[in-house]
Amino acid sequence: MILIGNQRGGAKDLAQHLLKEENDHVRVHELRGFVSGDLTSALTEAYAISRGTRCKQFLFSMSVNPPKNEIVSTADFEAAINWAESKLGLTGQPRAIVFHEKEGRRHAHVVWSRIKAREMKAVQLSHSKRKLMDVSRELHRDHGFKPPPGLLERSERDPRNFTLAQWQQAKRNGVDPRDIKTHLQDAWAFSDSKSALKNALEERGYRLARGDRRGFVAVDYRGEVYSLAKWAGVKTREIRSRLGEPEDSPSVAEVAAQWGSDMLRKVQSLQQEADEEAAREKQALAEKRAILVARQRAERAVQAESHRVRQIAEACERQKRFRTGLKGLWDRLRGEHRRIRKLNMREAEMANQRDATERDVLIADHLAQRRDIARQRMTDRNQNRTISRELAEDQQKYRDKGAEAETLHEAQRQAFENAEPLKSSRSRRRSRQRDGPSLDR
């Protein structure tokens, strides 16, 4: 079990946090050493006592977290808490124990008052994190739990290990060159004009563009360029005869930019669709969990009432063993009254242990029931995160491709504009050489 603790103040905020309804079940298991009978009043009582001292962090709060899928009894929780209490030097201090159950897991929170009421001094807590680490290590060994990375050796800790989810990335299948060739050949075969070829290519995921070598090319949504003559197996003369000159067709950079813009919108719509599907799945699981939690709370209430009725009945039966009047006085004189009282105390303790065992059995059954929902929720969450990450990567990829294409297109345009004056000056020089010196000179 992992023990994490720290000194703190804020009694009211801590009590509200421990009693939050966002947990499936919240149970105040113990209030020891407080006059108050509820958690909020007890921690407020600790605050009131601390006002007689200079101590600001008058509480020590600790969480007890068993390993995932491990069932730990209430008695084992109490033993771990008592061990940590002794190790920290908080033995006998007022404390509160609260159990939380959420997503099929059960853990405990313990809050001690650091203030010694008789001395009006705070318990000094030195090296508390190291002490709790030592207790955690021993608890894992005693219970046979597999320790998490870093518990045995501090050098094994990975600061990037901040989540329990294990994500699997789907492997992308590459494009078969034979499929590309078939697509382009079919598009050429089923078209008899430039407009028909453009439509046929777009139906297959390609767009017609002007290549760098004054030829026609096909550009797919990834920005890959395929020579139409090479991949469709058609002669350049035949292509020009059907399609004409490529000067009036968009350049590769323009088509790539258009692809990037279109695919970015498509991926964004897919992201919205994925978010809506994730919200529907989350809502369905939340409704299922709410129904289950309500039923479990009813079962626990029935068990608690059954325990209460049985405890009252058993206490009455034990009380009947004491005789009254002169017979009762005679029992006291000969020690029978003391023997009966010890017997009653033993039976009462056995009854409390029996009730605690029955309560633990019901809790374990409820945890198992909710663990399936928690497991399904975790699976859905991991899948949704994987999809969202991949879509986010695709969006960034198409943004980058669009930006690169725009930059290339702008560079080509500027190069073309700069080339025009140069061509004109060369033409003028050739004209002068052909016509001879000007008469004006």
Protein backbone atom coordinates (compact mmCIF):
# COMPACT_ATOMS: atom_id res chain seq x y z
CA MET A 1 0.00 0.00 0.00
CA ILE A 2 1.23 3.46 -0.87
CA LEU A 3 1.16 6.00 1.98
CA ILE A 4 1.30 9.70 1.12
CA GLY A 5 1.05 12.35 3.81
CA ASN A 6 1.71 16.00 4.54
CA GLN A 7 1.17 18.65 7.19
CA ARG A 8 -1.60 21.12 6.49
CA GLY A 9 -4.16 23.52 7.90
CA GLY A 10 -7.57 24.34 6.47
CA ALA A 11 -9.80 22.09 8.56
CA LYS A 12 -13.07 23.09 6.88
CA ASP A 13 -11.73 22.68 3.33
CA LEU A 14 -10.23 19.30 4.18
CA ALA A 15 -13.50 18.06 5.67
CA GLN A 16 -15.44 19.16 2.59
CA HIS A 17 -12.93 17.43 0.35
CA LEU A 18 -13.12 14.16 2.29
CA LEU A 19 -16.95 14.18 2.19
CA LYS A 20 -17.27 14.92 -1.52
CA GLU A 21 -20.16 13.15 -3.23
CA GLU A 22 -18.12 12.55 -6.40
CA ASN A 23 -17.02 9.26 -4.83
CA ASP A 24 -19.25 6.21 -5.16
CA HIS A 25 -19.25 5.67 -1.40
CA VAL A 26 -17.90 7.77 1.48
CA ARG A 27 -17.80 6.36 5.01
CA VAL A 28 -16.45 8.02 8.13
CA HIS A 29 -14.97 4.93 9.76
CA GLU A 30 -13.55 6.40 12.96
CA LEU A 31 -13.46 9.59 14.99
CA ARG A 32 -11.05 9.09 17.90
CA GLY A 33 -10.16 11.59 20.58
CA PHE A 34 -12.69 14.24 19.53
CA VAL A 35 -15.67 15.52 21.48
CA SER A 36 -17.55 16.16 18.23
CA GLY A 37 -19.49 13.41 16.53
CA ASP A 38 -19.08 14.42 12.85
CA LEU A 39 -16.03 14.98 10.68
CA THR A 40 -16.43 18.70 10.00
CA SER A 41 -16.97 19.53 13.67
CA ALA A 42 -14.07 17.27 14.71
CA LEU A 43 -11.56 18.97 12.41
CA THR A 44 -12.93 22.37 13.43
CA GLU A 45 -12.34 21.29 17.02
CA ALA A 46 -8.70 20.55 16.16
CA TYR A 47 -8.44 24.04 14.64
CA ALA A 48 -9.92 25.63 17.78
CA ILE A 49 -7.35 23.88 20.00
CA SER A 50 -4.51 24.93 17.66
CA ARG A 51 -5.42 28.59 18.20
CA GLY A 52 -3.80 28.30 21.62
CA THR A 53 -0.47 27.64 19.89
CA ARG A 54 1.56 29.20 17.09
CA CYS A 55 1.16 26.12 14.89
CA LYS A 56 -0.36 26.90 11.46
CA GLN A 57 -0.27 23.39 9.99
CA PHE A 58 -2.01 21.71 12.89
CA LEU A 59 -3.17 18.64 10.93
CA PHE A 60 -1.37 15.73 9.31
CA SER A 61 -3.30 14.19 6.41
CA MET A 62 -2.39 10.80 4.94
CA SER A 63 -3.88 8.68 2.14
CA VAL A 64 -3.62 4.87 2.07
CA ASN A 65 -3.83 3.45 -1.46
CA PRO A 66 -3.74 -0.32 -2.06
CA PRO A 67 -2.50 -1.66 -5.41
CA LYS A 68 -5.00 -1.84 -8.25
CA ASN A 69 -7.31 -4.89 -8.20
CA GLU A 70 -6.16 -5.90 -4.70
CA ILE A 71 -8.83 -6.47 -2.03
CA VAL A 72 -7.71 -5.17 1.38
CA SER A 73 -9.82 -5.70 4.50
CA THR A 74 -10.72 -2.96 6.93
CA ALA A 75 -8.54 -4.62 9.55
CA ASP A 76 -5.53 -4.44 7.22
CA PHE A 77 -6.22 -0.76 6.59
CA GLU A 78 -6.34 -0.15 10.35
CA ALA A 79 -3.11 -2.08 10.89
CA ALA A 80 -1.33 -0.01 8.21
CA ILE A 81 -2.66 3.21 9.74
CA ASN A 82 -1.55 2.20 13.24
CA TRP A 83 1.89 1.31 11.93
CA ALA A 84 2.27 4.68 10.22
CA GLU A 85 0.93 6.43 13.33
CA SER A 86 3.57 4.80 15.49
CA LYS A 87 6.32 5.52 12.96
CA LEU A 88 5.38 9.20 12.78
CA GLY A 89 5.10 9.64 16.54
CA LEU A 90 1.38 10.42 16.46
CA THR A 91 0.30 7.60 18.78
CA GLY A 92 -2.70 8.62 20.87
CA GLN A 93 -3.36 11.83 18.94
CA PRO A 94 -6.96 12.52 17.87
CA ARG A 95 -7.59 11.09 14.43
CA ALA A 96 -10.29 10.58 11.81
CA ILE A 97 -10.44 7.75 9.24
CA VAL A 98 -12.55 8.11 6.09
CA PHE A 99 -12.97 5.43 3.41
CA HIS A 100 -13.52 6.38 -0.25
CA GLU A 101 -14.64 4.08 -3.06
CA LYS A 102 -14.44 5.21 -6.66
CA GLU A 103 -14.12 3.45 -10.02
CA GLY A 104 -13.91 0.04 -8.39
CA ARG A 105 -11.12 0.96 -5.96
CA ARG A 106 -11.13 1.56 -2.21
CA HIS A 107 -8.70 3.75 -0.33
CA ALA A 108 -8.55 5.50 3.03
CA HIS A 109 -7.77 8.99 4.30
CA VAL A 110 -6.49 9.61 7.81
CA VAL A 111 -6.27 13.00 9.53
CA TRP A 112 -4.45 13.47 12.84
CA SER A 113 -4.39 16.51 15.06
CA ARG A 114 -0.76 17.41 15.73
CA ILE A 115 -1.59 19.41 18.86
CA LYS A 116 -0.99 17.78 22.25
CA ALA A 117 -3.87 19.29 24.23
CA ARG A 118 -2.26 18.94 27.67
CA GLU A 119 1.02 20.51 26.65
CA MET A 120 -0.39 22.80 23.94
CA LYS A 121 2.49 21.86 21.67
CA ALA A 122 2.56 20.37 18.17
CA VAL A 123 4.08 16.96 17.50
CA GLN A 124 7.36 17.42 15.62
CA LEU A 125 7.24 15.50 12.32
CA SER A 126 10.70 15.06 10.84
CA HIS A 127 11.41 13.07 7.65
CA SER A 128 7.75 12.06 7.39
CA LYS A 129 7.98 11.20 3.69
CA ARG A 130 10.92 8.87 4.22
CA LYS A 131 9.17 7.18 7.16
CA LEU A 132 5.98 6.64 5.15
CA MET A 133 8.09 5.26 2.29
CA ASP A 134 9.65 2.75 4.70
CA VAL A 135 6.22 1.67 5.94
CA SER A 136 4.94 1.33 2.36
CA ARG A 137 7.90 -0.85 1.45
CA GLU A 138 7.29 -3.16 4.42
CA LEU A 139 3.56 -3.35 3.74
CA HIS A 140 4.19 -4.46 0.15
CA ARG A 141 6.53 -7.17 1.39
CA ASP A 142 4.19 -8.38 4.15
CA HIS A 143 1.14 -8.59 1.86
CA GLY A 144 3.03 -9.97 -1.12
CA PHE A 145 2.08 -7.02 -3.33
CA LYS A 146 4.20 -6.19 -6.36
CA PRO A 147 5.88 -2.86 -5.57
CA PRO A 148 5.56 -0.05 -8.13
CA PRO A 149 8.70 1.21 -9.90
CA GLY A 150 10.70 3.47 -7.62
CA LEU A 151 9.41 2.14 -4.31
CA LEU A 152 12.40 -0.15 -3.78
CA GLU A 153 14.99 2.03 -5.50
CA ARG A 154 14.64 5.77 -5.80
CA SER A 155 16.72 5.74 -9.02
CA GLU A 156 13.97 3.75 -10.76
CA ARG A 157 11.43 6.55 -10.57
CA ASP A 158 10.30 7.95 -13.88
CA PRO A 159 8.99 11.52 -13.63
CA ARG A 160 7.08 10.98 -16.87
CA ASN A 161 5.06 8.16 -15.33
CA PHE A 162 2.11 10.30 -14.24
CA THR A 163 -0.79 8.16 -15.53
CA LEU A 164 -1.99 4.57 -15.12
CA ALA A 165 -3.34 4.36 -18.66
CA GLN A 166 -1.40 2.22 -21.14
CA TRP A 167 -1.94 3.51 -24.69
CA GLN A 168 -1.46 1.50 -27.85
CA GLN A 169 -0.87 3.25 -31.13
CA ALA A 170 -2.48 1.71 -34.18
CA LYS A 171 -0.05 0.88 -36.96
CA ARG A 172 -0.73 2.61 -40.22
CA ASN A 173 -0.78 0.48 -43.34
CA GLY A 174 1.39 1.75 -46.19
CA VAL A 175 0.06 2.38 -49.66
CA ASP A 176 0.68 -0.41 -52.16
CA PRO A 177 2.27 0.99 -55.36
CA ARG A 178 0.17 -1.45 -57.39
CA ASP A 179 -2.98 0.20 -56.05
CA ILE A 180 -1.70 3.65 -57.07
CA LYS A 181 -0.98 2.43 -60.57
CA THR A 182 -4.41 0.81 -60.85
CA HIS A 183 -6.15 3.99 -59.66
CA LEU A 184 -4.38 6.23 -62.18
CA GLN A 185 -4.82 3.78 -65.07
CA ASP A 186 -8.54 3.43 -64.32
CA ALA A 187 -8.98 7.20 -64.09
CA TRP A 188 -7.30 7.65 -67.47
CA ALA A 189 -9.28 4.83 -69.08
CA PHE A 190 -12.67 6.16 -67.92
CA SER A 191 -12.13 9.78 -68.99
CA ASP A 192 -12.12 11.35 -72.43
CA SER A 193 -11.42 14.97 -71.46
CA LYS A 194 -9.54 17.03 -68.96
CA SER A 195 -12.61 17.73 -66.81
CA ALA A 196 -13.59 14.04 -66.82
CA LEU A 197 -10.05 13.06 -65.77
CA LYS A 198 -10.07 15.57 -62.92
CA ASN A 199 -13.36 14.14 -61.63
CA ALA A 200 -12.12 10.56 -61.98
CA LEU A 201 -8.91 11.36 -60.12
CA GLU A 202 -10.74 13.12 -57.27
CA GLU A 203 -13.04 10.12 -56.85
CA ARG A 204 -9.90 8.06 -56.22
CA GLY A 205 -8.18 10.54 -53.91
CA TYR A 206 -5.98 12.44 -56.39
CA ARG A 207 -5.97 15.85 -58.04
CA LEU A 208 -4.54 16.96 -61.37
CA ALA A 209 -1.67 19.46 -61.30
CA ARG A 210 1.08 20.98 -63.44
CA GLY A 211 4.43 19.34 -62.85
CA ASP A 212 7.83 21.04 -62.74
CA ARG A 213 8.76 19.63 -66.16
CA ARG A 214 5.76 21.02 -68.05
CA GLY A 215 3.82 17.77 -67.68
CA PHE A 216 0.72 16.59 -65.88
CA VAL A 217 0.98 14.95 -62.46
CA ALA A 218 -1.44 13.59 -59.86
CA VAL A 219 -1.18 14.73 -56.25
CA ASP A 220 -2.76 12.70 -53.42
CA TYR A 221 -4.00 14.05 -50.08
CA ARG A 222 -0.63 13.32 -48.46
CA GLY A 223 1.08 15.68 -50.90
CA GLU A 224 2.81 12.88 -52.82
CA VAL A 225 3.33 13.59 -56.55
CA TYR A 226 2.90 10.94 -59.28
CA SER A 227 3.77 11.49 -62.94
CA LEU A 228 0.64 10.75 -64.99
CA ALA A 229 2.65 9.41 -67.95
CA LYS A 230 4.71 7.08 -65.78
CA TRP A 231 2.06 5.72 -63.44
CA ALA A 232 -0.82 5.53 -65.96
CA GLY A 233 1.44 4.08 -68.64
CA VAL A 234 0.49 6.69 -71.24
CA LYS A 235 2.76 8.54 -73.69
CA THR A 236 3.27 12.25 -73.17
CA ARG A 237 2.05 13.00 -76.72
CA GLU A 238 -1.22 11.21 -76.03
CA ILE A 239 -1.70 13.06 -72.75
CA ARG A 240 -1.24 16.46 -74.39
CA SER A 241 -3.56 15.47 -77.19
CA ARG A 242 -6.37 14.77 -74.71
CA LEU A 243 -5.61 17.35 -72.03
CA GLY A 244 -3.83 20.14 -73.89
CA GLU A 245 -1.01 22.19 -72.43
CA PRO A 246 -0.55 22.14 -68.61
CA GLU A 247 0.03 25.91 -68.27
CA ASP A 248 -3.59 26.59 -67.26
CA SER A 249 -3.53 23.87 -64.57
CA PRO A 250 -2.65 24.66 -60.93
CA SER A 251 0.88 23.95 -59.75
CA VAL A 252 1.82 21.17 -57.37
CA ALA A 253 2.23 23.70 -54.56
CA GLU A 254 -1.25 25.12 -55.16
CA VAL A 255 -2.85 21.67 -55.23
CA ALA A 256 -0.95 20.61 -52.11
CA ALA A 257 -2.14 23.74 -50.31
CA GLN A 258 -5.71 23.03 -51.38
CA TRP A 259 -5.41 19.42 -50.20
CA GLY A 260 -4.02 20.61 -46.87
CA SER A 261 -6.93 23.03 -46.35
CA ASP A 262 -9.57 20.46 -47.31
CA MET A 263 -8.06 17.67 -45.23
CA LEU A 264 -7.65 19.98 -42.24
CA ARG A 265 -11.40 20.71 -42.31
CA LYS A 266 -12.12 17.00 -42.69
CA VAL A 267 -9.91 16.02 -39.77
CA GLN A 268 -11.49 18.75 -37.63
CA SER A 269 -14.94 17.36 -38.42
CA LEU A 270 -13.70 13.86 -37.53
CA GLN A 271 -12.39 15.25 -34.24
CA GLN A 272 -15.80 16.74 -33.48
CA GLU A 273 -17.45 13.43 -34.34
CA ALA A 274 -15.01 11.57 -32.07
CA ASP A 275 -15.68 14.01 -29.21
CA GLU A 276 -19.44 13.56 -29.56
CA GLU A 277 -19.09 9.77 -29.57
CA ALA A 278 -16.85 9.92 -26.48
CA ALA A 279 -19.42 12.11 -24.71
CA ARG A 280 -22.20 9.62 -25.52
CA GLU A 281 -20.13 6.70 -24.20
CA LYS A 282 -19.23 8.63 -21.05
CA GLN A 283 -22.88 9.53 -20.42
CA ALA A 284 -24.01 5.92 -20.89
CA LEU A 285 -21.40 4.63 -18.43
CA ALA A 286 -22.23 7.41 -15.96
CA GLU A 287 -25.91 6.42 -15.98
CA LYS A 288 -25.02 2.76 -15.56
CA ARG A 289 -22.67 3.60 -12.69
CA ALA A 290 -25.26 5.84 -11.00
CA ILE A 291 -27.85 3.04 -11.05
CA LEU A 292 -25.33 0.56 -9.65
CA VAL A 293 -24.13 2.93 -6.92
CA ALA A 294 -27.72 3.68 -5.86
CA ARG A 295 -28.47 -0.04 -5.57
CA GLN A 296 -25.26 -0.66 -3.61
CA ARG A 297 -26.01 2.18 -1.21
CA ALA A 298 -29.44 0.66 -0.59
CA GLU A 299 -27.86 -2.74 0.09
CA ARG A 300 -25.38 -1.20 2.52
CA ALA A 301 -28.16 0.67 4.29
CA VAL A 302 -30.09 -2.59 4.66
CA GLN A 303 -27.00 -4.33 6.03
CA ALA A 304 -26.28 -1.46 8.45
CA GLU A 305 -29.87 -1.57 9.74
CA SER A 306 -29.68 -5.34 10.08
CA HIS A 307 -26.46 -5.04 12.07
CA ARG A 308 -28.01 -2.39 14.31
CA VAL A 309 -31.10 -4.46 15.06
CA ARG A 310 -29.00 -7.55 15.73
CA GLN A 311 -26.60 -5.65 17.98
CA ILE A 312 -29.50 -4.33 20.05
CA ALA A 313 -31.05 -7.79 20.35
CA GLU A 314 -27.74 -9.41 21.30
CA ALA A 315 -26.99 -6.67 23.83
CA CYS A 316 -30.39 -7.25 25.44
CA GLU A 317 -29.74 -10.99 25.61
CA ARG A 318 -26.36 -10.42 27.24
CA GLN A 319 -27.87 -7.96 29.70
CA LYS A 320 -30.41 -10.59 30.83
CA ARG A 321 -27.55 -12.66 32.27
CA PHE A 322 -27.22 -10.20 35.13
CA ARG A 323 -29.61 -11.01 37.96
CA THR A 324 -31.23 -8.21 39.95
CA GLY A 325 -32.09 -7.68 43.58
CA LEU A 326 -30.52 -9.81 46.30
CA LYS A 327 -29.48 -12.41 43.71
CA GLY A 328 -27.58 -9.76 41.81
CA LEU A 329 -25.89 -8.59 45.02
CA TRP A 330 -24.94 -12.17 45.82
CA ASP A 331 -23.46 -12.52 42.29
CA ARG A 332 -21.31 -9.45 42.89
CA LEU A 333 -20.06 -10.77 46.19
CA ARG A 334 -19.04 -14.16 44.82
CA GLY A 335 -17.52 -12.71 41.57
CA GLU A 336 -20.16 -14.07 39.19
CA HIS A 337 -21.09 -10.56 38.05
CA ARG A 338 -17.47 -9.87 36.98
CA ARG A 339 -17.30 -13.20 35.10
CA ILE A 340 -20.52 -12.43 33.22
CA ARG A 341 -19.30 -8.91 32.36
CA LYS A 342 -16.04 -10.27 30.87
CA LEU A 343 -18.02 -12.89 28.94
CA ASN A 344 -20.33 -10.21 27.57
CA MET A 345 -17.37 -8.05 26.52
CA ARG A 346 -15.77 -10.98 24.68
CA GLU A 347 -19.01 -11.79 22.89
CA ALA A 348 -19.56 -8.12 22.01
CA GLU A 349 -16.07 -7.91 20.51
CA MET A 350 -16.67 -11.10 18.55
CA ALA A 351 -19.98 -9.66 17.30
CA ASN A 352 -18.22 -6.46 16.18
CA GLN A 353 -15.60 -8.49 14.31
CA ARG A 354 -18.34 -10.59 12.71
CA ASP A 355 -20.16 -7.44 11.55
CA ALA A 356 -16.90 -5.94 10.23
CA THR A 357 -16.20 -9.14 8.28
CA GLU A 358 -19.69 -9.14 6.76
CA ARG A 359 -19.29 -5.47 5.87
CA ASP A 360 -15.92 -6.16 4.21
CA VAL A 361 -17.43 -9.04 2.19
CA LEU A 362 -20.20 -6.77 0.90
CA ILE A 363 -17.69 -4.00 0.11
CA ALA A 364 -15.48 -6.43 -1.83
CA ASP A 365 -18.50 -7.63 -3.81
CA HIS A 366 -19.51 -4.05 -4.61
CA LEU A 367 -15.96 -3.15 -5.66
CA ALA A 368 -15.90 -6.10 -8.04
CA GLN A 369 -19.21 -5.01 -9.56
CA ARG A 370 -18.00 -1.46 -10.16
CA ARG A 371 -14.57 -2.56 -11.34
CA ASP A 372 -16.05 -3.76 -14.65
CA ILE A 373 -17.54 -0.31 -15.26
CA ALA A 374 -14.26 1.37 -14.28
CA ARG A 375 -12.35 -0.96 -16.60
CA GLN A 376 -14.70 -0.20 -19.50
CA ARG A 377 -14.43 3.51 -18.79
CA MET A 378 -10.64 3.32 -18.77
CA THR A 379 -10.65 1.37 -22.06
CA ASP A 380 -12.95 3.92 -23.69
CA ARG A 381 -10.88 6.78 -22.32
CA ASN A 382 -7.65 5.31 -23.68
CA GLN A 383 -9.19 4.69 -27.09
CA ASN A 384 -10.59 8.23 -27.23
CA ARG A 385 -7.24 9.69 -26.20
CA THR A 386 -5.47 7.66 -28.88
CA ILE A 387 -7.93 8.81 -31.54
CA SER A 388 -7.72 12.43 -30.40
CA ARG A 389 -3.93 12.36 -30.39
CA GLU A 390 -3.76 10.89 -33.88
CA LEU A 391 -6.29 13.40 -35.20
CA ALA A 392 -4.36 16.25 -33.56
CA GLU A 393 -1.16 15.00 -35.22
CA ASP A 394 -2.96 14.83 -38.58
CA GLN A 395 -4.26 18.37 -38.14
CA GLN A 396 -0.78 19.67 -37.39
CA LYS A 397 0.61 17.71 -40.33
CA TYR A 398 -1.87 19.24 -42.76
CA ARG A 399 -1.28 22.70 -41.30
CA ASP A 400 2.44 22.26 -41.88
CA LYS A 401 1.92 20.92 -45.38
CA GLY A 402 -0.38 23.79 -46.21
CA ALA A 403 2.13 26.32 -44.91
CA GLU A 404 4.98 24.68 -46.83
CA ALA A 405 2.91 24.62 -50.00
CA GLU A 406 1.97 28.28 -49.61
CA THR A 407 5.62 29.21 -49.04
CA LEU A 408 6.71 27.24 -52.11
CA HIS A 409 3.95 28.74 -54.21
CA GLU A 410 4.91 32.26 -53.16
CA ALA A 411 8.58 31.57 -53.94
CA GLN A 412 7.65 30.25 -57.39
CA ARG A 413 5.49 33.29 -58.08
CA GLN A 414 8.23 35.72 -57.08
CA ALA A 415 10.77 33.81 -59.14
CA PHE A 416 8.47 33.99 -62.17
CA GLU A 417 7.90 37.74 -61.71
CA ASN A 418 11.64 38.38 -61.34
CA ALA A 419 12.36 36.33 -64.45
CA GLU A 420 10.12 38.47 -66.73
CA PRO A 421 12.23 41.69 -66.67
CA LEU A 422 15.39 39.67 -67.19
CA LYS A 423 13.88 38.04 -70.25
CA SER A 424 12.88 41.43 -71.63
CA SER A 425 16.36 42.90 -71.21
CA ARG A 426 17.91 39.93 -72.98
CA SER A 427 15.44 40.36 -75.82
CA ARG A 428 16.39 44.04 -76.09
CA ARG A 429 20.10 43.21 -76.24
CA ARG A 430 19.50 40.65 -78.95
CA SER A 431 17.40 43.21 -80.83
CA ARG A 432 20.21 45.78 -80.66
CA GLN A 433 22.75 43.28 -81.92
CA ARG A 434 20.47 42.35 -84.79
CA ASP A 435 19.45 45.91 -85.76
CA GLY A 436 22.76 47.63 -85.06
CA PRO A 437 23.41 50.79 -83.01
CA SER A 438 20.53 53.20 -82.48
CA LEU A 439 20.40 56.33 -84.70
CA ASP A 440 19.70 58.47 -81.66
CA ARG A 441 23.22 57.81 -80.44
